[in-house]
C-alpha atoms as a PDB file:
ATOM      1  CA  PHE A   1     -26.544  -4.929  23.419  1.00  0.00           C
ATOM      2  CA  PRO A   2     -25.867  -2.930  26.416  1.00  0.00           C
ATOM      3  CA  SER A   3     -24.965   0.810  25.739  1.00  0.00           C
ATOM      4  CA  HIS A   4     -21.762   2.220  26.910  1.00  0.00           C
ATOM      5  CA  ASP A   5     -21.224   5.965  27.328  1.00  0.00           C
ATOM      6  CA  SER A   6     -17.985   6.993  25.820  1.00  0.00           C
ATOM      7  CA  SER A   7     -16.406  10.249  24.179  1.00  0.00           C
ATOM      8  CA  HIS A   8     -13.202  10.746  22.396  1.00  0.00           C
ATOM      9  CA  LYS A   9     -11.194  13.761  21.149  1.00  0.00           C
ATOM     10  CA  PRO A  10      -9.869  13.693  17.393  1.00  0.00           C
ATOM     11  CA  ILE A  11      -6.849  11.520  17.008  1.00  0.00           C
ATOM     12  CA  ARG A  12      -3.844  13.548  16.568  1.00  0.00           C
ATOM     13  CA  LEU A  13      -1.295  12.446  13.785  1.00  0.00           C
ATOM     14  CA  GLU A  14       2.399  13.389  13.961  1.00  0.00           C
ATOM     15  CA  GLU A  15       5.465  12.607  12.086  1.00  0.00           C
ATOM     16  CA  LEU A  16       3.315  11.192   9.310  1.00  0.00           C
ATOM     17  CA  ARG A  17       5.277   9.524   6.408  1.00  0.00           C
ATOM     18  CA  VAL A  18       4.114   7.748   3.462  1.00  0.00           C
ATOM     19  CA  ARG A  19       6.349   5.670   0.998  1.00  0.00           C
ATOM     20  CA  ALA A  20       4.512   4.527  -2.122  1.00  0.00           C
ATOM     21  CA  LEU A  21       5.836   1.440  -4.076  1.00  0.00           C
ATOM     22  CA  GLY A  22       3.560   0.991  -7.075  1.00  0.00           C
ATOM     23  CA  ASN A  23      -0.013  -0.337  -5.397  1.00  0.00           C
ATOM     24  CA  VAL A  24       1.439  -0.750  -2.113  1.00  0.00           C
ATOM     25  CA  ALA A  25       1.936   2.028   0.388  1.00  0.00           C
ATOM     26  CA  LEU A  26       3.697   1.961   3.790  1.00  0.00           C
ATOM     27  CA  VAL A  27       2.508   4.559   6.367  1.00  0.00           C
ATOM     28  CA  THR A  28       4.230   5.209   9.505  1.00  0.00           C
ATOM     29  CA  GLY A  29       4.034   7.851  12.137  1.00  0.00           C
ATOM     30  CA  LYS A  30       2.885   8.746  15.483  1.00  0.00           C
ATOM     31  CA  PHE A  31      -0.669   9.306  16.922  1.00  0.00           C
ATOM     32  CA  SER A  32      -1.853  10.556  20.252  1.00  0.00           C
ATOM     33  CA  LEU A  33      -5.502   9.923  21.576  1.00  0.00           C
ATOM     34  CA  GLN A  34      -7.639  10.584  24.472  1.00  0.00           C
ATOM     35  CA  VAL A  35     -10.874   8.488  25.038  1.00  0.00           C
ATOM     36  CA  GLU A  36     -13.334   8.277  28.054  1.00  0.00           C
ATOM     37  CA  ALA A  37     -15.155   5.169  28.488  1.00  0.00           C
ATOM     38  CA  ARG A  38     -17.110   3.992  31.552  1.00  0.00           C
ATOM     39  CA  GLY A  39     -15.982   6.954  33.583  1.00  0.00           C
ATOM     40  CA  LYS A  40     -12.059   6.203  32.716  1.00  0.00           C
ATOM     41  CA  VAL A  41      -9.895   8.394  30.819  1.00  0.00           C
ATOM     42  CA  ILE A  42      -7.355   6.386  28.509  1.00  0.00           C
ATOM     43  CA  GLU A  43      -4.722   8.364  26.740  1.00  0.00           C
ATOM     44  CA  GLY A  44      -1.455   7.981  25.319  1.00  0.00           C
ATOM     45  CA  THR A  45       0.999   8.429  22.258  1.00  0.00           C
ATOM     46  CA  ASN A  46       1.892   5.516  19.850  1.00  0.00           C
ATOM     47  CA  ARG A  47       4.122   4.905  16.999  1.00  0.00           C
ATOM     48  CA  PHE A  48       2.499   2.978  14.209  1.00  0.00           C
ATOM     49  CA  CYS A  49       3.233   1.130  10.884  1.00  0.00           C
ATOM     50  CA  MET A  50       0.484   0.481   8.423  1.00  0.00           C
ATOM     51  CA  THR A  51       0.630  -1.317   5.181  1.00  0.00           C
ATOM     52  CA  MET A  52      -1.964  -0.651   2.534  1.00  0.00           C
ATOM     53  CA  ILE A  53      -2.706  -1.903  -0.962  1.00  0.00           C
ATOM     54  CA  GLU A  54      -4.712  -0.478  -3.778  1.00  0.00           C
ATOM     55  CA  ARG A  55      -7.471  -2.583  -4.900  1.00  0.00           C
ATOM     56  CA  PRO A  56     -10.012  -1.775  -7.737  1.00  0.00           C
ATOM     57  CA  GLU A  57     -12.660  -0.882  -5.046  1.00  0.00           C
ATOM     58  CA  GLY A  58     -10.156   1.469  -3.218  1.00  0.00           C
ATOM     59  CA  TRP A  59      -7.148   1.443  -0.617  1.00  0.00           C
ATOM     60  CA  LYS A  60      -7.303  -1.456   1.776  1.00  0.00           C
ATOM     61  CA  ILE A  61      -5.285  -1.795   5.150  1.00  0.00           C
ATOM     62  CA  VAL A  62      -3.530  -5.339   5.037  1.00  0.00           C
ATOM     63  CA  GLN A  63      -1.284  -4.641   8.317  1.00  0.00           C
ATOM     64  CA  PHE A  64      -1.544  -2.282  11.155  1.00  0.00           C
ATOM     65  CA  GLN A  65       0.658  -2.364  14.301  1.00  0.00           C
ATOM     66  CA  ALA A  66       0.965   0.288  16.990  1.00  0.00           C
ATOM     67  CA  THR A  67       3.287   0.479  20.205  1.00  0.00           C
ATOM     68  CA  ALA A  68       2.524   2.647  23.041  1.00  0.00           C
ATOM     69  CA  LEU A  69       5.258   5.039  23.868  1.00  0.00           C
ATOM     70  CA  THR A  70       6.121   5.550  27.665  1.00  0.00           C
ATOM     71  CA  ALA A  71       6.039   8.957  29.159  1.00  0.00           C
ATOM     72  CA  LYS A  72       9.437  10.544  29.671  1.00  0.00           C
ATOM     73  CA  PRO A  73      10.567  10.719  33.345  1.00  0.00           C
END
């Protein structure tokens, strides 16, 4: 496999909310990221929704969706 130079800053979580319903959890919030790959910087803020289920081996993600937020003019 070819090697790719990349680096990233820690992902910032904001407005994190967890709603637990038995062995199911709905997690929503916002995250910001900045990644540099192949000389290009990619950064942005996204809203996300994630559904998790508790299994005998631990929590598993069963659904994840993120939507990029546009910058304010």
